[in-house]
Amino acid sequence: MESVFSFKTRAVCAALCAGMLSILPSVTSADEVTVTLPRLSVAEYHAPYVAVWLADSKEKRVKDLAVWYDINMENGKGEKWLKDMRLWWRRSGRSAEMPIDGVSGATRRPGEHKINLEGQFEGIAAGSYTLYVEAARELGGREVLSVPVTLPISSSQTQQVKGNQELASIKLSLEPK
């Protein structure tokens, strides 16, 4: 049976749609860091605590971007194990008032987890920085991964670092404004 629309009508529709799509702004990947937590075969699995932060060239914390821990434990008991993320704890955690508004969140299960970095580097001086991701797990290990960041962002960049145990990988995607 012949379609209601002729070949000519379909061609005109396709051309119009293509023209309309061309005037839409191009879609680029957002400023984000993707933290991938591995699925581990262990007898007793506990979701890891994770901290993501930006440090300057002297390794001083500039900004906390995410802190995932057991925020639902009564009387703030989940904060007790934040110090197991030793590098973050020394740089930021011990002086931070928890929960950090807009930064603190619950632990995550295995899989990919995206953190939106849109606007997170505004007001930070130009220079060389390091984005750190640290994970520590009860009855497990601890791991820190990092990637260099130069601010301001002048060109599109994607960097990925593989982990060995508590972090499968981190991927940083940044676009200039």
N, C-alpha and C. Protein backbone atom coordinates (compact mmCIF):
# COMPACT_ATOMS: atom_id res chain seq x y z
N MET A 1 0.83 -1.18 0.00
CA MET A 1 0.00 0.00 0.00
C MET A 1 0.88 1.24 0.00
N GLU A 2 0.50 2.22 -0.76
CA GLU A 2 1.27 3.46 -0.90
C GLU A 2 1.10 4.31 0.35
N SER A 3 2.19 4.93 0.78
CA SER A 3 2.17 5.82 1.93
C SER A 3 1.34 7.05 1.62
N VAL A 4 0.78 7.66 2.66
CA VAL A 4 -0.02 8.88 2.51
C VAL A 4 0.85 10.01 1.96
N PHE A 5 2.10 10.02 2.37
CA PHE A 5 3.02 11.06 1.91
C PHE A 5 3.80 10.54 0.71
N SER A 6 3.87 11.37 -0.29
CA SER A 6 4.64 11.00 -1.48
C SER A 6 6.12 11.14 -1.18
N PHE A 7 6.93 10.59 -2.06
CA PHE A 7 8.37 10.70 -1.92
C PHE A 7 8.78 12.17 -1.89
N LYS A 8 8.17 12.98 -2.74
CA LYS A 8 8.50 14.41 -2.83
C LYS A 8 8.15 15.11 -1.51
N THR A 9 7.02 14.80 -0.92
CA THR A 9 6.59 15.41 0.35
C THR A 9 7.56 15.03 1.47
N ARG A 10 7.95 13.74 1.50
CA ARG A 10 8.90 13.30 2.52
C ARG A 10 10.24 14.01 2.35
N ALA A 11 10.69 14.21 1.13
CA ALA A 11 11.96 14.89 0.88
C ALA A 11 11.91 16.33 1.36
N VAL A 12 10.78 17.00 1.10
CA VAL A 12 10.62 18.39 1.55
C VAL A 12 10.64 18.44 3.08
N CYS A 13 9.93 17.53 3.74
CA CYS A 13 9.90 17.47 5.20
C CYS A 13 11.30 17.24 5.77
N ALA A 14 12.03 16.32 5.17
CA ALA A 14 13.39 16.03 5.63
C ALA A 14 14.29 17.25 5.49
N ALA A 15 14.17 17.98 4.38
CA ALA A 15 14.98 19.17 4.16
C ALA A 15 14.63 20.25 5.18
N LEU A 16 13.35 20.43 5.44
CA LEU A 16 12.92 21.42 6.43
C LEU A 16 13.43 21.07 7.82
N CYS A 17 13.33 19.80 8.18
CA CYS A 17 13.80 19.36 9.50
C CYS A 17 15.31 19.58 9.62
N ALA A 18 16.05 19.22 8.58
CA ALA A 18 17.50 19.40 8.61
C ALA A 18 17.84 20.88 8.75
N GLY A 19 17.13 21.74 8.06
CA GLY A 19 17.36 23.18 8.15
C GLY A 19 17.06 23.70 9.54
N MET A 20 15.99 23.21 10.15
CA MET A 20 15.63 23.64 11.50
C MET A 20 16.67 23.18 12.51
N LEU A 21 17.19 21.97 12.35
CA LEU A 21 18.20 21.47 13.26
C LEU A 21 19.50 22.26 13.15
N SER A 22 19.79 22.75 11.95
CA SER A 22 21.05 23.47 11.77
C SER A 22 21.06 24.82 12.48
N ILE A 23 19.88 25.38 12.79
CA ILE A 23 19.87 26.67 13.47
C ILE A 23 19.89 26.51 14.99
N LEU A 24 19.74 25.29 15.50
CA LEU A 24 19.84 25.05 16.93
C LEU A 24 21.30 25.16 17.35
N PRO A 25 21.56 25.61 18.59
CA PRO A 25 22.95 25.68 19.04
C PRO A 25 23.55 24.29 19.06
N SER A 26 24.84 24.22 18.73
CA SER A 26 25.49 22.91 18.72
C SER A 26 25.58 22.39 20.15
N VAL A 27 25.40 21.10 20.28
CA VAL A 27 25.42 20.47 21.58
C VAL A 27 26.82 19.95 21.84
N THR A 28 27.42 20.42 22.93
CA THR A 28 28.75 19.94 23.31
C THR A 28 28.63 19.29 24.68
N SER A 29 29.62 18.52 25.03
CA SER A 29 29.57 17.88 26.34
C SER A 29 29.72 18.95 27.41
N ALA A 30 29.01 18.78 28.47
CA ALA A 30 29.01 19.75 29.56
C ALA A 30 30.30 19.66 30.37
N ASP A 31 30.53 20.69 31.17
CA ASP A 31 31.63 20.64 32.12
C ASP A 31 31.22 19.66 33.20
N GLU A 32 31.92 18.54 33.26
CA GLU A 32 31.56 17.54 34.25
C GLU A 32 32.72 16.61 34.53
N VAL A 33 32.64 15.98 35.69
CA VAL A 33 33.56 14.90 36.01
C VAL A 33 32.69 13.66 36.22
N THR A 34 33.10 12.57 35.60
CA THR A 34 32.40 11.31 35.75
C THR A 34 33.25 10.41 36.63
N VAL A 35 32.68 10.00 37.75
CA VAL A 35 33.35 9.09 38.68
C VAL A 35 32.72 7.71 38.49
N THR A 36 33.54 6.74 38.12
CA THR A 36 33.04 5.38 37.94
C THR A 36 33.53 4.51 39.09
N LEU A 37 32.56 3.99 39.83
CA LEU A 37 32.87 3.10 40.95
C LEU A 37 32.75 1.67 40.47
N PRO A 38 33.76 0.84 40.74
CA PRO A 38 33.74 -0.54 40.24
C PRO A 38 32.79 -1.43 41.04
N ARG A 39 32.33 -2.47 40.38
CA ARG A 39 31.55 -3.51 41.07
C ARG A 39 32.57 -4.53 41.58
N LEU A 40 32.65 -4.64 42.89
CA LEU A 40 33.64 -5.51 43.52
C LEU A 40 32.97 -6.78 44.04
N SER A 41 33.65 -7.91 43.87
CA SER A 41 33.15 -9.19 44.40
C SER A 41 33.80 -9.41 45.76
N VAL A 42 33.13 -8.89 46.78
CA VAL A 42 33.63 -9.03 48.15
C VAL A 42 32.49 -9.54 49.02
N ALA A 43 32.84 -10.15 50.15
CA ALA A 43 31.82 -10.73 51.03
C ALA A 43 30.88 -9.67 51.58
N GLU A 44 31.42 -8.55 52.02
CA GLU A 44 30.60 -7.48 52.61
C GLU A 44 30.95 -6.17 51.93
N TYR A 45 30.07 -5.71 51.05
CA TYR A 45 30.34 -4.49 50.29
C TYR A 45 29.69 -3.29 50.97
N HIS A 46 30.46 -2.24 51.14
CA HIS A 46 29.95 -0.95 51.63
C HIS A 46 30.28 0.09 50.57
N ALA A 47 29.30 0.90 50.21
CA ALA A 47 29.55 1.96 49.22
C ALA A 47 30.63 2.89 49.76
N PRO A 48 31.56 3.31 48.91
CA PRO A 48 32.67 4.13 49.39
C PRO A 48 32.25 5.57 49.68
N TYR A 49 33.00 6.19 50.58
CA TYR A 49 32.94 7.63 50.76
C TYR A 49 33.82 8.19 49.65
N VAL A 50 33.39 9.29 49.05
CA VAL A 50 34.13 9.88 47.93
C VAL A 50 34.21 11.39 48.12
N ALA A 51 35.38 11.96 47.88
CA ALA A 51 35.56 13.42 47.89
C ALA A 51 36.17 13.84 46.56
N VAL A 52 35.67 14.94 46.02
CA VAL A 52 36.17 15.51 44.78
C VAL A 52 36.48 16.98 45.07
N TRP A 53 37.72 17.40 44.79
CA TRP A 53 38.09 18.77 45.08
C TRP A 53 39.15 19.27 44.11
N LEU A 54 39.28 20.60 44.07
CA LEU A 54 40.27 21.27 43.23
C LEU A 54 41.35 21.81 44.14
N ALA A 55 42.62 21.56 43.79
CA ALA A 55 43.75 22.05 44.57
C ALA A 55 44.67 22.88 43.68
N ASP A 56 45.37 23.82 44.28
CA ASP A 56 46.29 24.66 43.52
C ASP A 56 47.62 23.95 43.30
N SER A 57 48.58 24.65 42.70
CA SER A 57 49.86 24.03 42.37
C SER A 57 50.67 23.66 43.62
N LYS A 58 50.31 24.21 44.78
CA LYS A 58 50.97 23.85 46.05
C LYS A 58 50.18 22.79 46.81
N GLU A 59 49.17 22.21 46.13
CA GLU A 59 48.31 21.15 46.65
C GLU A 59 47.40 21.63 47.78
N LYS A 60 47.19 22.95 47.86
CA LYS A 60 46.25 23.50 48.83
C LYS A 60 44.85 23.46 48.23
N ARG A 61 43.87 23.02 49.02
CA ARG A 61 42.49 22.95 48.54
C ARG A 61 42.00 24.33 48.16
N VAL A 62 41.40 24.40 46.97
CA VAL A 62 40.80 25.64 46.48
C VAL A 62 39.29 25.56 46.64
N LYS A 63 38.72 24.39 46.29
CA LYS A 63 37.26 24.25 46.35
C LYS A 63 36.87 22.78 46.42
N ASP A 64 35.95 22.47 47.34
CA ASP A 64 35.34 21.14 47.39
C ASP A 64 34.22 21.10 46.36
N LEU A 65 34.16 20.04 45.57
CA LEU A 65 33.14 19.91 44.53
C LEU A 65 32.10 18.85 44.87
N ALA A 66 32.48 17.83 45.63
CA ALA A 66 31.54 16.79 46.05
C ALA A 66 32.13 16.03 47.23
N VAL A 67 31.28 15.68 48.19
CA VAL A 67 31.66 14.81 49.29
C VAL A 67 30.48 13.87 49.52
N TRP A 68 30.70 12.58 49.20
CA TRP A 68 29.65 11.58 49.34
C TRP A 68 29.95 10.74 50.58
N TYR A 69 29.01 10.74 51.51
CA TYR A 69 29.18 9.93 52.72
C TYR A 69 27.80 9.58 53.26
N ASP A 70 27.75 8.83 54.34
CA ASP A 70 26.48 8.38 54.90
C ASP A 70 25.86 9.52 55.70
N ILE A 71 25.17 10.41 54.99
CA ILE A 71 24.59 11.59 55.63
C ILE A 71 23.33 11.28 56.43
N ASN A 72 22.78 10.07 56.27
CA ASN A 72 21.52 9.74 56.93
C ASN A 72 21.69 9.07 58.30
N MET A 73 22.92 8.84 58.73
CA MET A 73 23.11 8.24 60.05
C MET A 73 22.73 9.26 61.11
N GLU A 74 22.03 8.81 62.14
CA GLU A 74 21.58 9.75 63.16
C GLU A 74 22.76 10.33 63.93
N ASN A 75 22.56 11.54 64.41
CA ASN A 75 23.56 12.29 65.19
C ASN A 75 24.86 12.50 64.43
N GLY A 76 24.81 12.52 63.09
CA GLY A 76 26.00 12.78 62.30
C GLY A 76 27.07 11.72 62.39
N LYS A 77 26.70 10.49 62.78
CA LYS A 77 27.70 9.43 62.94
C LYS A 77 28.42 9.08 61.64
N GLY A 78 27.80 9.35 60.49
CA GLY A 78 28.44 9.06 59.22
C GLY A 78 29.68 9.90 58.98
N GLU A 79 29.76 11.04 59.65
CA GLU A 79 30.91 11.93 59.52
C GLU A 79 32.17 11.34 60.15
N LYS A 80 31.98 10.39 61.05
CA LYS A 80 33.10 9.78 61.78
C LYS A 80 34.15 9.19 60.83
N TRP A 81 33.70 8.63 59.70
CA TRP A 81 34.62 7.95 58.79
C TRP A 81 35.12 8.83 57.65
N LEU A 82 34.74 10.10 57.65
CA LEU A 82 35.25 10.99 56.60
C LEU A 82 36.78 11.07 56.65
N LYS A 83 37.34 10.95 57.83
CA LYS A 83 38.80 11.04 57.96
C LYS A 83 39.53 9.89 57.28
N ASP A 84 38.79 8.83 56.87
CA ASP A 84 39.43 7.74 56.13
C ASP A 84 39.85 8.18 54.73
N MET A 85 39.25 9.27 54.25
CA MET A 85 39.73 9.88 53.00
C MET A 85 40.84 10.85 53.42
N ARG A 86 42.00 10.29 53.68
CA ARG A 86 43.07 10.99 54.38
C ARG A 86 43.57 12.24 53.68
N LEU A 87 43.75 12.19 52.38
CA LEU A 87 44.27 13.36 51.67
C LEU A 87 43.26 14.50 51.73
N TRP A 88 42.00 14.20 51.42
CA TRP A 88 40.96 15.24 51.47
C TRP A 88 40.80 15.75 52.90
N TRP A 89 40.82 14.84 53.87
CA TRP A 89 40.63 15.22 55.27
C TRP A 89 41.69 16.24 55.70
N ARG A 90 42.94 16.00 55.33
CA ARG A 90 44.03 16.91 55.71
C ARG A 90 43.91 18.26 55.00
N ARG A 91 43.46 18.22 53.74
CA ARG A 91 43.38 19.46 52.95
C ARG A 91 42.13 20.29 53.27
N SER A 92 41.03 19.61 53.63
CA SER A 92 39.77 20.32 53.73
C SER A 92 38.85 19.82 54.82
N GLY A 93 38.68 18.52 54.93
CA GLY A 93 37.64 17.93 55.75
C GLY A 93 37.66 18.31 57.21
N ARG A 94 38.84 18.31 57.82
CA ARG A 94 38.87 18.56 59.27
C ARG A 94 38.46 19.97 59.63
N SER A 95 38.54 20.90 58.67
CA SER A 95 38.13 22.28 58.96
C SER A 95 36.75 22.61 58.38
N ALA A 96 36.13 21.65 57.69
CA ALA A 96 34.83 21.90 57.07
C ALA A 96 33.70 21.63 58.05
N GLU A 97 32.65 22.40 57.92
CA GLU A 97 31.45 22.15 58.71
C GLU A 97 30.53 21.30 57.84
N MET A 98 30.23 20.09 58.31
CA MET A 98 29.44 19.15 57.53
C MET A 98 27.98 19.24 57.90
N PRO A 99 27.06 18.99 57.01
CA PRO A 99 27.29 18.79 55.58
C PRO A 99 27.60 20.12 54.89
N ILE A 100 28.38 20.05 53.82
CA ILE A 100 28.72 21.24 53.05
C ILE A 100 27.58 21.47 52.08
N ASP A 101 26.93 22.62 52.19
CA ASP A 101 25.75 22.94 51.39
C ASP A 101 26.07 22.85 49.90
N GLY A 102 25.27 22.08 49.18
CA GLY A 102 25.43 21.94 47.73
C GLY A 102 26.57 21.03 47.31
N VAL A 103 27.29 20.48 48.27
CA VAL A 103 28.45 19.63 47.97
C VAL A 103 28.25 18.23 48.54
N SER A 104 27.77 18.15 49.78
CA SER A 104 27.59 16.86 50.45
C SER A 104 26.42 16.09 49.86
N GLY A 105 26.58 14.79 49.81
CA GLY A 105 25.51 13.92 49.32
C GLY A 105 25.73 12.50 49.80
N ALA A 106 24.76 11.67 49.54
CA ALA A 106 24.82 10.27 49.96
C ALA A 106 25.86 9.49 49.17
N THR A 107 26.29 8.37 49.73
CA THR A 107 27.22 7.49 49.02
C THR A 107 26.54 6.97 47.76
N ARG A 108 27.31 6.47 46.83
CA ARG A 108 26.78 5.96 45.56
C ARG A 108 27.17 4.50 45.41
N ARG A 109 26.35 3.76 44.69
CA ARG A 109 26.61 2.36 44.39
C ARG A 109 27.53 2.27 43.16
N PRO A 110 28.00 1.07 42.82
CA PRO A 110 28.83 0.90 41.63
C PRO A 110 28.16 1.45 40.37
N GLY A 111 28.97 2.00 39.48
CA GLY A 111 28.47 2.55 38.23
C GLY A 111 29.04 3.94 37.98
N GLU A 112 28.55 4.58 36.92
CA GLU A 112 28.99 5.93 36.55
C GLU A 112 28.15 6.98 37.25
N HIS A 113 28.84 8.00 37.79
CA HIS A 113 28.16 9.08 38.48
C HIS A 113 28.75 10.40 37.99
N LYS A 114 27.91 11.26 37.44
CA LYS A 114 28.36 12.53 36.88
C LYS A 114 28.17 13.67 37.87
N ILE A 115 29.17 14.54 37.94
CA ILE A 115 29.12 15.73 38.77
C ILE A 115 29.21 16.92 37.83
N ASN A 116 28.18 17.75 37.84
CA ASN A 116 28.14 18.93 36.99
C ASN A 116 29.11 19.97 37.53
N LEU A 117 30.02 20.44 36.68
CA LEU A 117 31.00 21.44 37.08
C LEU A 117 30.68 22.82 36.51
N GLU A 118 29.52 22.95 35.89
CA GLU A 118 29.13 24.23 35.28
C GLU A 118 29.22 25.34 36.32
N GLY A 119 30.03 26.35 36.05
CA GLY A 119 30.17 27.50 36.92
C GLY A 119 31.04 27.28 38.16
N GLN A 120 31.55 26.08 38.36
CA GLN A 120 32.32 25.78 39.56
C GLN A 120 33.70 26.46 39.60
N PHE A 121 34.20 26.85 38.43
CA PHE A 121 35.54 27.45 38.40
C PHE A 121 35.49 28.97 38.27
N GLU A 122 34.28 29.53 38.29
CA GLU A 122 34.13 30.99 38.22
C GLU A 122 34.76 31.61 39.46
N GLY A 123 35.48 32.70 39.25
CA GLY A 123 36.10 33.40 40.36
C GLY A 123 37.42 32.80 40.82
N ILE A 124 37.85 31.72 40.21
CA ILE A 124 39.13 31.11 40.57
C ILE A 124 40.19 31.68 39.64
N ALA A 125 41.29 32.14 40.21
CA ALA A 125 42.36 32.79 39.46
C ALA A 125 42.93 31.86 38.38
N ALA A 126 43.42 32.48 37.32
CA ALA A 126 44.09 31.72 36.25
C ALA A 126 45.30 31.01 36.83
N GLY A 127 45.55 29.79 36.34
CA GLY A 127 46.70 29.05 36.81
C GLY A 127 46.55 27.56 36.63
N SER A 128 47.53 26.84 37.18
CA SER A 128 47.55 25.38 37.10
C SER A 128 46.97 24.79 38.38
N TYR A 129 46.07 23.83 38.21
CA TYR A 129 45.38 23.20 39.33
C TYR A 129 45.36 21.69 39.11
N THR A 130 44.89 20.98 40.14
CA THR A 130 44.70 19.54 40.05
C THR A 130 43.32 19.21 40.58
N LEU A 131 42.58 18.40 39.84
CA LEU A 131 41.30 17.89 40.30
C LEU A 131 41.57 16.53 40.92
N TYR A 132 41.23 16.37 42.20
CA TYR A 132 41.43 15.12 42.91
C TYR A 132 40.11 14.43 43.15
N VAL A 133 40.13 13.09 43.08
CA VAL A 133 39.01 12.25 43.48
C VAL A 133 39.59 11.18 44.40
N GLU A 134 39.04 11.12 45.62
CA GLU A 134 39.52 10.14 46.60
C GLU A 134 38.33 9.31 47.07
N ALA A 135 38.55 8.01 47.18
CA ALA A 135 37.51 7.10 47.66
C ALA A 135 38.09 6.22 48.76
N ALA A 136 37.27 6.00 49.79
CA ALA A 136 37.65 5.09 50.88
C ALA A 136 36.41 4.28 51.24
N ARG A 137 36.63 3.00 51.47
CA ARG A 137 35.50 2.10 51.72
C ARG A 137 35.74 1.30 52.99
N GLU A 138 34.68 1.22 53.83
CA GLU A 138 34.74 0.40 55.04
C GLU A 138 35.01 -1.04 54.63
N LEU A 139 35.91 -1.68 55.32
CA LEU A 139 36.35 -3.04 55.02
C LEU A 139 36.94 -3.14 53.62
N GLY A 140 37.43 -2.03 53.12
CA GLY A 140 38.02 -1.99 51.78
C GLY A 140 39.28 -1.16 51.80
N GLY A 141 39.58 -0.60 50.66
CA GLY A 141 40.79 0.18 50.54
C GLY A 141 40.52 1.66 50.36
N ARG A 142 41.54 2.34 49.92
CA ARG A 142 41.50 3.78 49.69
C ARG A 142 42.27 4.04 48.40
N GLU A 143 41.78 4.99 47.61
CA GLU A 143 42.45 5.30 46.36
C GLU A 143 42.24 6.77 46.02
N VAL A 144 43.27 7.37 45.44
CA VAL A 144 43.21 8.76 45.00
C VAL A 144 43.64 8.82 43.54
N LEU A 145 42.82 9.48 42.72
CA LEU A 145 43.17 9.73 41.32
C LEU A 145 43.16 11.24 41.10
N SER A 146 43.92 11.71 40.12
CA SER A 146 43.96 13.15 39.86
C SER A 146 44.20 13.43 38.39
N VAL A 147 43.76 14.63 37.97
CA VAL A 147 44.01 15.11 36.61
C VAL A 147 44.36 16.59 36.70
N PRO A 148 45.29 17.05 35.86
CA PRO A 148 45.65 18.47 35.85
C PRO A 148 44.57 19.30 35.16
N VAL A 149 44.41 20.53 35.64
CA VAL A 149 43.44 21.47 35.07
C VAL A 149 44.12 22.83 34.97
N THR A 150 44.04 23.46 33.80
CA THR A 150 44.53 24.82 33.64
C THR A 150 43.34 25.75 33.48
N LEU A 151 43.29 26.77 34.32
CA LEU A 151 42.20 27.74 34.27
C LEU A 151 42.74 29.08 33.79
N PRO A 152 41.98 29.83 33.04
CA PRO A 152 40.64 29.49 32.56
C PRO A 152 40.70 28.45 31.44
N ILE A 153 39.58 27.83 31.17
CA ILE A 153 39.49 26.81 30.13
C ILE A 153 39.52 27.52 28.79
N SER A 154 40.54 27.26 27.99
CA SER A 154 40.68 27.94 26.69
C SER A 154 40.38 27.03 25.51
N SER A 155 40.34 25.73 25.74
CA SER A 155 40.00 24.80 24.66
C SER A 155 39.31 23.57 25.26
N SER A 156 38.56 22.88 24.42
CA SER A 156 37.87 21.68 24.87
C SER A 156 38.90 20.66 25.33
N GLN A 157 38.60 20.00 26.43
CA GLN A 157 39.51 18.97 26.91
C GLN A 157 38.75 17.84 27.59
N THR A 158 39.24 16.66 27.35
CA THR A 158 38.72 15.46 28.00
C THR A 158 39.92 14.66 28.46
N GLN A 159 39.91 14.33 29.74
CA GLN A 159 40.99 13.53 30.31
C GLN A 159 40.36 12.38 31.10
N GLN A 160 40.97 11.21 30.98
CA GLN A 160 40.47 10.06 31.71
C GLN A 160 41.63 9.35 32.38
N VAL A 161 41.42 8.96 33.64
CA VAL A 161 42.42 8.25 34.41
C VAL A 161 41.78 6.98 34.95
N LYS A 162 42.46 5.87 34.80
CA LYS A 162 41.96 4.58 35.30
C LYS A 162 42.44 4.36 36.73
N GLY A 163 41.58 3.75 37.52
CA GLY A 163 41.93 3.39 38.88
C GLY A 163 42.31 1.93 38.99
N ASN A 164 42.68 1.50 40.21
CA ASN A 164 43.11 0.12 40.42
C ASN A 164 42.19 -0.68 41.32
N GLN A 165 41.48 -0.01 42.25
CA GLN A 165 40.68 -0.79 43.19
C GLN A 165 39.38 -0.10 43.56
N GLU A 166 39.41 1.00 44.27
CA GLU A 166 38.19 1.64 44.76
C GLU A 166 37.55 2.57 43.74
N LEU A 167 38.33 3.00 42.76
CA LEU A 167 37.83 3.84 41.67
C LEU A 167 38.15 3.14 40.36
N ALA A 168 37.13 2.90 39.53
CA ALA A 168 37.39 2.30 38.23
C ALA A 168 38.04 3.33 37.31
N SER A 169 37.51 4.56 37.32
CA SER A 169 38.07 5.64 36.51
C SER A 169 37.44 6.96 36.89
N ILE A 170 38.10 8.03 36.46
CA ILE A 170 37.49 9.36 36.49
C ILE A 170 37.70 9.95 35.10
N LYS A 171 36.72 10.71 34.66
CA LYS A 171 36.80 11.35 33.36
C LYS A 171 36.39 12.81 33.54
N LEU A 172 37.24 13.70 33.11
CA LEU A 172 36.99 15.13 33.22
C LEU A 172 36.76 15.69 31.83
N SER A 173 35.62 16.36 31.63
CA SER A 173 35.29 17.00 30.35
C SER A 173 35.04 18.48 30.61
N LEU A 174 35.78 19.34 29.90
CA LEU A 174 35.64 20.78 30.08
C LEU A 174 35.53 21.47 28.72
N GLU A 175 34.70 22.50 28.65
CA GLU A 175 34.49 23.28 27.44
C GLU A 175 34.73 24.75 27.75
N PRO A 176 35.37 25.50 26.83
CA PRO A 176 35.55 26.94 27.06
C PRO A 176 34.21 27.66 26.98
N LYS A 177 34.14 28.79 27.62
CA LYS A 177 32.89 29.59 27.57
C LYS A 177 32.95 30.61 26.49
